[in-house]
PDB file of N, CA and C in Angstrom:
ATOM      1  N   ALA A   1       0.762  -1.540   0.093  1.00  0.00           N
ATOM      2  CA  ALA A   1       0.163   0.137   0.119  1.00  0.00           C
ATOM      3  C   ALA A   1       0.770   1.276   0.088  1.00  0.00           C
ATOM      4  N   TRP A   2       0.340   2.520  -1.086  1.00  0.00           N
ATOM      5  CA  TRP A   2       1.260   3.498  -0.735  1.00  0.00           C
ATOM      6  C   TRP A   2       1.315   4.388   0.229  1.00  0.00           C
ATOM      7  N   TRP A   3       0.470   4.320   1.610  1.00  0.00           N
ATOM      8  CA  TRP A   3      -0.067   4.712   2.423  1.00  0.00           C
ATOM      9  C   TRP A   3       0.567   4.152   4.367  1.00  0.00           C
ATOM     10  N   ASN A   4       1.035   4.704   4.527  1.00  0.00           N
ATOM     11  CA  ASN A   4       1.369   4.245   6.026  1.00  0.00           C
ATOM     12  C   ASN A   4       1.619   4.939   7.292  1.00  0.00           C
ATOM     13  N   ALA A   5       1.833   4.373   8.324  1.00  0.00           N
ATOM     14  CA  ALA A   5       2.009   4.843   9.165  1.00  0.00           C
ATOM     15  C   ALA A   5       2.903   6.886   9.347  1.00  0.00           C
ATOM     16  N   ARG A   6       4.059   6.832   8.625  1.00  0.00           N
ATOM     17  CA  ARG A   6       5.113   7.980   8.804  1.00  0.00           C
ATOM     18  C   ARG A   6       4.052   8.924   8.108  1.00  0.00           C
ATOM     19  N   ASP A   7       3.744   8.422   6.946  1.00  0.00           N
ATOM     20  CA  ASP A   7       2.885   9.534   6.141  1.00  0.00           C
ATOM     21  C   ASP A   7       1.548  10.346   6.861  1.00  0.00           C
ATOM     22  N   GLU A   8       0.515   9.307   8.092  1.00  0.00           N
ATOM     23  CA  GLU A   8      -0.416   9.856   8.164  1.00  0.00           C
ATOM     24  C   GLU A   8       0.298  10.337   9.246  1.00  0.00           C
ATOM     25  N   LEU A   9       1.301  10.078  10.266  1.00  0.00           N
ATOM     26  CA  LEU A   9       1.574  11.241  11.293  1.00  0.00           C
ATOM     27  C   LEU A   9       2.898  12.355  10.856  1.00  0.00           C
ATOM     28  N   ASN A  10       3.051  11.983   9.959  1.00  0.00           N
ATOM     29  CA  ASN A  10       3.221  13.710   8.549  1.00  0.00           C
ATOM     30  C   ASN A  10       2.258  14.714   8.402  1.00  0.00           C
ATOM     31  N   PHE A  11       0.946  14.023   8.488  1.00  0.00           N
ATOM     32  CA  PHE A  11      -0.192  14.949   7.944  1.00  0.00           C
ATOM     33  C   PHE A  11      -1.022  15.705   9.624  1.00  0.00           C
ATOM     34  N   ASN A  12      -0.968  14.558  10.432  1.00  0.00           N
ATOM     35  CA  ASN A  12      -1.140  14.883  11.556  1.00  0.00           C
ATOM     36  C   ASN A  12      -0.281  15.984  11.953  1.00  0.00           C
ATOM     37  N   ALA A  13       0.922  15.862  11.757  1.00  0.00           N
ATOM     38  CA  ALA A  13       1.457  16.874  12.609  1.00  0.00           C
ATOM     39  C   ALA A  13       1.744  18.066  11.185  1.00  0.00           C
ATOM     40  N   TYR A  14       1.441  18.359  10.818  1.00  0.00           N
ATOM     41  CA  TYR A  14       1.323  19.452   9.099  1.00  0.00           C
ATOM     42  C   TYR A  14       0.285  20.444  10.242  1.00  0.00           C
ATOM     43  N   ASP A  15      -1.363  19.450  10.306  1.00  0.00           N
ATOM     44  CA  ASP A  15      -2.288  19.900  10.851  1.00  0.00           C
ATOM     45  C   ASP A  15      -2.086  20.390  12.408  1.00  0.00           C
ATOM     46  N   ASP A  16      -0.975  20.141  13.106  1.00  0.00           N
ATOM     47  CA  ASP A  16      -1.105  20.866  14.487  1.00  0.00           C
ATOM     48  C   ASP A  16      -0.385  21.600  14.037  1.00  0.00           C
ATOM     49  N   LEU A  17       0.646  22.038  13.209  1.00  0.00           N
ATOM     50  CA  LEU A  17       1.595  22.886  13.374  1.00  0.00           C
ATOM     51  C   LEU A  17       0.484  23.803  12.293  1.00  0.00           C
ATOM     52  N   GLN A  18      -0.678  23.744  11.575  1.00  0.00           N
ATOM     53  CA  GLN A  18      -1.251  25.263  10.931  1.00  0.00           C
ATOM     54  C   GLN A  18      -2.103  25.664  12.353  1.00  0.00           C
ATOM     55  N   TYR A  19      -2.538  24.297  13.124  1.00  0.00           N
ATOM     56  CA  TYR A  19      -3.641  25.154  14.277  1.00  0.00           C
ATOM     57  C   TYR A  19      -2.418  26.366  14.821  1.00  0.00           C
ATOM     58  N   LEU A  20      -1.518  25.612  15.142  1.00  0.00           N
ATOM     59  CA  LEU A  20      -0.374  26.037  16.438  1.00  0.00           C
ATOM     60  C   LEU A  20      -0.215  28.177  15.666  1.00  0.00           C
ATOM     61  N   LEU A  21      -0.011  27.959  14.568  1.00  0.00           N
ATOM     62  CA  LEU A  21       0.199  29.369  13.768  1.00  0.00           C
ATOM     63  C   LEU A  21      -0.836  30.360  13.435  1.00  0.00           C
ATOM     64  N   GLN A  22      -2.136  29.360  13.322  1.00  0.00           N
ATOM     65  CA  GLN A  22      -3.493  29.766  13.319  1.00  0.00           C
ATOM     66  C   GLN A  22      -3.568  30.955  15.097  1.00  0.00           C
ATOM     67  N   ASP A  23      -3.296  29.837  15.885  1.00  0.00           N
ATOM     68  CA  ASP A  23      -3.279  30.357  17.451  1.00  0.00           C
ATOM     69  C   ASP A  23      -2.457  31.315  17.351  1.00  0.00           C
ATOM     70  N   HIS A  24      -1.008  31.112  17.053  1.00  0.00           N
ATOM     71  CA  HIS A  24       0.381  32.068  17.497  1.00  0.00           C
ATOM     72  C   HIS A  24      -0.648  33.524  16.921  1.00  0.00           C
ATOM     73  N   THR A  25      -1.069  33.733  15.714  1.00  0.00           N
ATOM     74  CA  THR A  25      -1.454  34.480  15.038  1.00  0.00           C
ATOM     75  C   THR A  25      -2.306  35.644  15.988  1.00  0.00           C
ATOM     76  N   ARG A  26      -3.540  34.826  16.205  1.00  0.00           N
ATOM     77  CA  ARG A  26      -4.268  35.123  17.070  1.00  0.00           C
ATOM     78  C   ARG A  26      -3.480  36.065  18.264  1.00  0.00           C
ATOM     79  N   LEU A  27      -3.111  35.229  18.833  1.00  0.00           N
ATOM     80  CA  LEU A  27      -2.738  35.265  20.281  1.00  0.00           C
ATOM     81  C   LEU A  27      -1.483  36.807  20.118  1.00  0.00           C
ATOM     82  N   THR A  28      -1.179  36.622  19.250  1.00  0.00           N
ATOM     83  CA  THR A  28      -0.070  37.736  18.720  1.00  0.00           C
ATOM     84  C   THR A  28      -1.099  39.141  18.322  1.00  0.00           C
ATOM     85  N   ALA A  29      -2.335  39.021  18.053  1.00  0.00           N
ATOM     86  CA  ALA A  29      -2.444  40.183  17.514  1.00  0.00           C
ATOM     87  C   ALA A  29      -3.447  40.659  19.091  1.00  0.00           C
ATOM     88  N   GLU A  30      -3.975  39.982  20.182  1.00  0.00           N
ATOM     89  CA  GLU A  30      -4.361  40.176  20.961  1.00  0.00           C
ATOM     90  C   GLU A  30      -3.355  40.523  21.638  1.00  0.00           C
ATOM     91  N   ILE A  31      -2.358  40.077  21.817  1.00  0.00           N
ATOM     92  CA  ILE A  31      -1.343  41.309  22.423  1.00  0.00           C
ATOM     93  C   ILE A  31      -1.051  42.946  22.011  1.00  0.00           C
ATOM     94  N   GLU A  32      -1.204  42.254  21.134  1.00  0.00           N
ATOM     95  CA  GLU A  32      -0.789  43.872  20.441  1.00  0.00           C
ATOM     96  C   GLU A  32      -1.729  44.582  21.121  1.00  0.00           C
ATOM     97  N   SER A  33      -3.495  43.789  20.801  1.00  0.00           N
ATOM     98  CA  SER A  33      -3.973  45.119  21.482  1.00  0.00           C
ATOM     99  C   SER A  33      -4.664  45.025  22.730  1.00  0.00           C
ATOM    100  N   LEU A  34      -4.405  44.413  23.925  1.00  0.00           N
ATOM    101  CA  LEU A  34      -3.736  44.731  25.022  1.00  0.00           C
ATOM    102  C   LEU A  34      -3.043  45.549  25.154  1.00  0.00           C
ATOM    103  N   THR A  35      -1.719  45.789  24.731  1.00  0.00           N
ATOM    104  CA  THR A  35      -0.965  46.573  24.830  1.00  0.00           C
ATOM    105  C   THR A  35      -1.347  47.594  24.612  1.00  0.00           C
ATOM    106  N   ALA A  36      -1.902  47.752  23.111  1.00  0.00           N
ATOM    107  CA  ALA A  36      -2.227  49.635  22.919  1.00  0.00           C
ATOM    108  C   ALA A  36      -3.337  50.051  23.990  1.00  0.00           C
ATOM    109  N   GLU A  37      -4.018  49.274  24.410  1.00  0.00           N
ATOM    110  CA  GLU A  37      -4.926  49.164  25.302  1.00  0.00           C
ATOM    111  C   GLU A  37      -4.176  49.916  26.132  1.00  0.00           C
ATOM    112  N   ARG A  38      -3.366  49.384  27.350  1.00  0.00           N
ATOM    113  CA  ARG A  38      -2.447  49.826  27.955  1.00  0.00           C
ATOM    114  C   ARG A  38      -1.924  50.661  28.135  1.00  0.00           C
ATOM    115  N   ASP A  39      -1.178  50.813  27.088  1.00  0.00           N
ATOM    116  CA  ASP A  39      -0.601  52.158  26.595  1.00  0.00           C
ATOM    117  C   ASP A  39      -1.346  53.845  26.837  1.00  0.00           C
ATOM    118  N   ARG A  40      -3.219  53.543  26.547  1.00  0.00           N
ATOM    119  CA  ARG A  40      -3.884  54.362  26.129  1.00  0.00           C
ATOM    120  C   ARG A  40      -4.099  54.957  27.435  1.00  0.00           C
ATOM    121  N   PHE A  41      -4.607  53.283  28.364  1.00  0.00           N
ATOM    122  CA  PHE A  41      -4.799  54.004  30.055  1.00  0.00           C
ATOM    123  C   PHE A  41      -3.529  54.864  31.026  1.00  0.00           C
ATOM    124  N   LYS A  42      -2.811  54.256  30.313  1.00  0.00           N
ATOM    125  CA  LYS A  42      -1.257  54.531  31.040  1.00  0.00           C
ATOM    126  C   LYS A  42      -1.168  56.746  30.623  1.00  0.00           C
ATOM    127  N   ALA A  43      -1.123  56.933  29.014  1.00  0.00           N
ATOM    128  CA  ALA A  43      -1.094  58.102  28.891  1.00  0.00           C
ATOM    129  C   ALA A  43      -2.558  59.036  29.446  1.00  0.00           C
ATOM    130  N   ARG A  44      -3.810  58.393  29.683  1.00  0.00           N
ATOM    131  CA  ARG A  44      -4.807  58.572  30.712  1.00  0.00           C
ATOM    132  C   ARG A  44      -4.413  59.135  31.580  1.00  0.00           C
ATOM    133  N   ALA A  45      -3.814  58.053  33.103  1.00  0.00           N
ATOM    134  CA  ALA A  45      -3.189  58.375  34.404  1.00  0.00           C
ATOM    135  C   ALA A  45      -2.333  59.224  34.258  1.00  0.00           C
ATOM    136  N   GLU A  46      -1.104  59.708  33.254  1.00  0.00           N
ATOM    137  CA  GLU A  46      -0.341  60.284  33.422  1.00  0.00           C
ATOM    138  C   GLU A  46      -0.553  62.093  33.026  1.00  0.00           C
ATOM    139  N   ALA A  47      -1.458  61.826  32.555  1.00  0.00           N
ATOM    140  CA  ALA A  47      -2.517  62.991  32.189  1.00  0.00           C
ATOM    141  C   ALA A  47      -3.561  63.483  33.287  1.00  0.00           C
ATOM    142  N   ALA A  48      -3.812  62.988  34.107  1.00  0.00           N
ATOM    143  CA  ALA A  48      -4.955  63.204  34.923  1.00  0.00           C
ATOM    144  C   ALA A  48      -3.567  63.105  36.156  1.00  0.00           C
ATOM    145  N   GLU A  49      -2.898  62.636  36.155  1.00  0.00           N
ATOM    146  CA  GLU A  49      -1.978  63.062  37.851  1.00  0.00           C
ATOM    147  C   GLU A  49      -0.774  64.102  37.608  1.00  0.00           C
ATOM    148  N   LYS A  50      -0.500  64.813  35.938  1.00  0.00           N
ATOM    149  CA  LYS A  50      -0.358  66.066  35.953  1.00  0.00           C
ATOM    150  C   LYS A  50      -1.028  66.878  36.076  1.00  0.00           C
ATOM    151  N   ASP A  51      -2.568  67.331  35.318  1.00  0.00           N
ATOM    152  CA  ASP A  51      -3.775  67.814  35.719  1.00  0.00           C
ATOM    153  C   ASP A  51      -3.667  68.260  37.344  1.00  0.00           C
ATOM    154  N   LEU A  52      -4.262  66.901  38.013  1.00  0.00           N
ATOM    155  CA  LEU A  52      -3.670  67.204  39.553  1.00  0.00           C
ATOM    156  C   LEU A  52      -3.234  67.514  40.466  1.00  0.00           C
ATOM    157  N   GLU A  53      -1.845  67.458  39.780  1.00  0.00           N
ATOM    158  CA  GLU A  53      -1.540  68.565  40.311  1.00  0.00           C
ATOM    159  C   GLU A  53      -0.835  69.594  39.971  1.00  0.00           C
ATOM    160  N   ASN A  54      -1.393  70.290  39.023  1.00  0.00           N
ATOM    161  CA  ASN A  54      -1.560  71.562  38.968  1.00  0.00           C
ATOM    162  C   ASN A  54      -2.541  71.927  39.662  1.00  0.00           C
ATOM    163  N   LEU A  55      -3.556  71.288  40.057  1.00  0.00           N
ATOM    164  CA  LEU A  55      -4.694  71.635  40.940  1.00  0.00           C
ATOM    165  C   LEU A  55      -3.992  71.735  41.554  1.00  0.00           C
ATOM    166  N   ILE A  56      -3.371  71.203  42.212  1.00  0.00           N
ATOM    167  CA  ILE A  56      -2.803  71.477  43.688  1.00  0.00           C
ATOM    168  C   ILE A  56      -2.247  72.556  44.190  1.00  0.00           C
ATOM    169  N   LYS A  57      -1.215  72.820  42.946  1.00  0.00           N
ATOM    170  CA  LYS A  57      -0.787  74.346  43.061  1.00  0.00           C
ATOM    171  C   LYS A  57      -1.447  75.359  43.519  1.00  0.00           C
ATOM    172  N   ILE A  58      -2.534  75.635  42.731  1.00  0.00           N
ATOM    173  CA  ILE A  58      -3.857  76.512  42.894  1.00  0.00           C
ATOM    174  C   ILE A  58      -4.215  76.712  43.788  1.00  0.00           C
ATOM    175  N   GLY A  59      -4.065  75.956  45.237  1.00  0.00           N
ATOM    176  CA  GLY A  59      -4.950  76.603  46.483  1.00  0.00           C
ATOM    177  C   GLY A  59      -4.471  75.503  47.357  1.00  0.00           C
ATOM    178  N   PRO A  60      -4.804  75.928  48.171  1.00  0.00           N
ATOM    179  CA  PRO A  60      -4.186  74.897  49.855  1.00  0.00           C
ATOM    180  C   PRO A  60      -5.597  74.166  49.641  1.00  0.00           C
ATOM    181  N   ALA A  61      -6.465  73.666  49.114  1.00  0.00           N
ATOM    182  CA  ALA A  61      -7.662  72.885  49.171  1.00  0.00           C
ATOM    183  C   ALA A  61      -7.289  71.755  48.730  1.00  0.00           C
ATOM    184  N   GLY A  62      -6.096  72.020  47.654  1.00  0.00           N
ATOM    185  CA  GLY A  62      -5.550  70.132  46.934  1.00  0.00           C
ATOM    186  C   GLY A  62      -4.512  69.628  48.176  1.00  0.00           C
ATOM    187  N   CYS A  63      -4.004  70.908  49.166  1.00  0.00           N
ATOM    188  CA  CYS A  63      -3.042  70.105  49.428  1.00  0.00           C
ATOM    189  C   CYS A  63      -3.381  68.385  50.501  1.00  0.00           C
ATOM    190  N   GLY A  64      -4.398  68.171  50.843  1.00  0.00           N
ATOM    191  CA  GLY A  64      -5.036  67.063  50.817  1.00  0.00           C
ATOM    192  C   GLY A  64      -4.272  65.981  50.284  1.00  0.00           C
ATOM    193  N   LEU A  65      -4.293  66.285  48.545  1.00  0.00           N
ATOM    194  CA  LEU A  65      -3.988  65.195  48.116  1.00  0.00           C
ATOM    195  C   LEU A  65      -2.648  65.357  47.481  1.00  0.00           C
ATOM    196  N   CYS A  66      -1.658  66.326  48.197  1.00  0.00           N
ATOM    197  CA  CYS A  66      -0.054  66.288  47.672  1.00  0.00           C
ATOM    198  C   CYS A  66       0.518  65.065  48.762  1.00  0.00           C
ATOM    199  N   LYS A  67       1.540  64.487  48.533  1.00  0.00           N
ATOM    200  CA  LYS A  67       2.558  63.910  49.222  1.00  0.00           C
ATOM    201  C   LYS A  67       3.868  64.461  50.144  1.00  0.00           C
ATOM    202  N   ASN A  68       3.442  66.196  49.421  1.00  0.00           N
ATOM    203  CA  ASN A  68       4.735  66.802  50.797  1.00  0.00           C
ATOM    204  C   ASN A  68       4.005  67.572  51.421  1.00  0.00           C
ATOM    205  N   GLY A  69       4.360  67.092  52.710  1.00  0.00           N
ATOM    206  CA  GLY A  69       4.065  67.508  53.381  1.00  0.00           C
ATOM    207  C   GLY A  69       4.866  68.937  54.542  1.00  0.00           C
ATOM    208  N   ARG A  70       5.804  69.049  53.468  1.00  0.00           N
ATOM    209  CA  ARG A  70       7.139  69.972  54.413  1.00  0.00           C
ATOM    210  C   ARG A  70       6.958  71.637  53.306  1.00  0.00           C
ATOM    211  N   CYS A  71       5.609  71.941  52.731  1.00  0.00           N
ATOM    212  CA  CYS A  71       5.739  73.402  51.881  1.00  0.00           C
ATOM    213  C   CYS A  71       5.399  74.117  52.618  1.00  0.00           C
ATOM    214  N   TRP A  72       5.769  75.774  52.250  1.00  0.00           N
ATOM    215  CA  TRP A  72       5.148  76.388  52.458  1.00  0.00           C
ATOM    216  C   TRP A  72       3.238  76.836  53.477  1.00  0.00           C
ATOM    217  N   ARG A  73       2.953  75.990  52.325  1.00  0.00           N
ATOM    218  CA  ARG A  73       1.240  76.142  53.065  1.00  0.00           C
ATOM    219  C   ARG A  73       1.026  75.465  54.034  1.00  0.00           C
ATOM    220  N   ARG A  74       2.081  74.142  54.266  1.00  0.00           N
ATOM    221  CA  ARG A  74       1.826  73.422  55.028  1.00  0.00           C
ATOM    222  C   ARG A  74       2.606  73.535  56.705  1.00  0.00           C
ATOM    223  N   ASN A  75       3.078  75.326  56.924  1.00  0.00           N
ATOM    224  CA  ASN A  75       4.118  75.649  57.448  1.00  0.00           C
ATOM    225  C   ASN A  75       5.337  75.017  57.870  1.00  0.00           C
ATOM    226  N   GLY A  76       5.660  74.358  56.363  1.00  0.00           N
ATOM    227  CA  GLY A  76       7.523  73.742  56.062  1.00  0.00           C
ATOM    228  C   GLY A  76       7.845  74.383  55.782  1.00  0.00           C
ATOM    229  N   THR A  77       9.254  74.111  55.640  1.00  0.00           N
ATOM    230  CA  THR A  77      10.400  75.175  55.248  1.00  0.00           C
ATOM    231  C   THR A  77      10.615  74.945  53.408  1.00  0.00           C
ATOM    232  N   GLU A  78      10.084  74.382  52.951  1.00  0.00           N
ATOM    233  CA  GLU A  78      10.146  74.308  51.539  1.00  0.00           C
ATOM    234  C   GLU A  78       9.259  74.440  50.515  1.00  0.00           C
ATOM    235  N   GLU A  79       9.507  75.363  50.011  1.00  0.00           N
ATOM    236  CA  GLU A  79       8.763  75.800  48.034  1.00  0.00           C
ATOM    237  C   GLU A  79       7.590  74.111  48.067  1.00  0.00           C
ATOM    238  N   CYS A  80       6.477  74.977  47.343  1.00  0.00           N
ATOM    239  CA  CYS A  80       4.962  74.328  47.243  1.00  0.00           C
ATOM    240  C   CYS A  80       5.703  73.161  45.917  1.00  0.00           C
ATOM    241  N   ASN A  81       5.533  71.916  46.116  1.00  0.00           N
ATOM    242  CA  ASN A  81       6.807  71.095  44.784  1.00  0.00           C
ATOM    243  C   ASN A  81       5.506  69.747  44.628  1.00  0.00           C
ATOM    244  N   PRO A  82       4.275  70.477  44.069  1.00  0.00           N
ATOM    245  CA  PRO A  82       3.291  69.551  44.066  1.00  0.00           C
ATOM    246  C   PRO A  82       3.504  68.035  43.415  1.00  0.00           C
ATOM    247  N   GLU A  83       2.769  67.011  44.193  1.00  0.00           N
ATOM    248  CA  GLU A  83       3.281  65.419  43.823  1.00  0.00           C
ATOM    249  C   GLU A  83       1.966  65.032  44.379  1.00  0.00           C
ATOM    250  N   TRP A  84       1.386  64.587  43.427  1.00  0.00           N
ATOM    251  CA  TRP A  84       0.021  63.146  44.026  1.00  0.00           C
ATOM    252  C   TRP A  84       0.338  62.437  45.254  1.00  0.00           C
ATOM    253  N   ARG A  85       0.127  62.047  46.159  1.00  0.00           N
ATOM    254  CA  ARG A  85       0.212  61.277  47.208  1.00  0.00           C
ATOM    255  C   ARG A  85      -0.296  59.887  46.708  1.00  0.00           C
ATOM    256  N   GLY A  86      -1.010  59.661  45.465  1.00  0.00           N
ATOM    257  CA  GLY A  86      -1.264  58.175  45.184  1.00  0.00           C
ATOM    258  C   GLY A  86      -2.502  57.802  45.982  1.00  0.00           C
ATOM    259  N   PRO A  87      -2.898  56.776  44.928  1.00  0.00           N
ATOM    260  CA  PRO A  87      -4.458  56.056  45.563  1.00  0.00           C
ATOM    261  C   PRO A  87      -4.510  55.755  47.207  1.00  0.00           C
ATOM    262  N   GLN A  88      -5.145  56.076  47.183  1.00  0.00           N
ATOM    263  CA  GLN A  88      -5.305  55.489  49.016  1.00  0.00           C
ATOM    264  C   GLN A  88      -5.261  53.936  49.803  1.00  0.00           C
ATOM    265  N   GLU A  89      -5.280  53.771  50.797  1.00  0.00           N
ATOM    266  CA  GLU A  89      -5.105  52.251  50.642  1.00  0.00           C
ATOM    267  C   GLU A  89      -7.030  52.032  50.583  1.00  0.00           C
ATOM    268  N   GLY A  90      -6.881  50.962  50.189  1.00  0.00           N
ATOM    269  CA  GLY A  90      -8.193  50.398  49.894  1.00  0.00           C
ATOM    270  C   GLY A  90      -9.032  50.688  49.009  1.00  0.00           C
ATOM    271  N   ALA A  91      -8.826  52.387  47.952  1.00  0.00           N
ATOM    272  CA  ALA A  91      -9.223  52.248  46.929  1.00  0.00           C
ATOM    273  C   ALA A  91      -8.828  51.329  45.489  1.00  0.00           C
ATOM    274  N   LYS A  92     -10.470  51.827  44.812  1.00  0.00           N
ATOM    275  CA  LYS A  92     -10.307  50.371  43.775  1.00  0.00           C
ATOM    276  C   LYS A  92      -8.896  50.892  42.768  1.00  0.00           C
ATOM    277  N   PRO A  93      -8.221  49.686  42.308  1.00  0.00           N
ATOM    278  CA  PRO A  93      -6.712  50.013  41.458  1.00  0.00           C
ATOM    279  C   PRO A  93      -7.626  50.544  39.904  1.00  0.00           C
TER     280      PRO A  93
END
């Protein structure tokens, strides 16, 4: 017979490789999409943090959001250099 077990093994391996290549292509596209989404969220978070730090500079109402507790506004000895304190414990990430 012209057909043998080795030929069948080769066809099965070929099918398996085709499946793995399709899966790899799908996963690569998904990783690229998730990376782009992460980058968008990161850019938004950085912009929001910068806006928040600018708002802190405007007046003492924002001092509670600042992690620098040594500025003149807080009866300290340093110039106001606002830096967001970050999320509070228990806050949703």
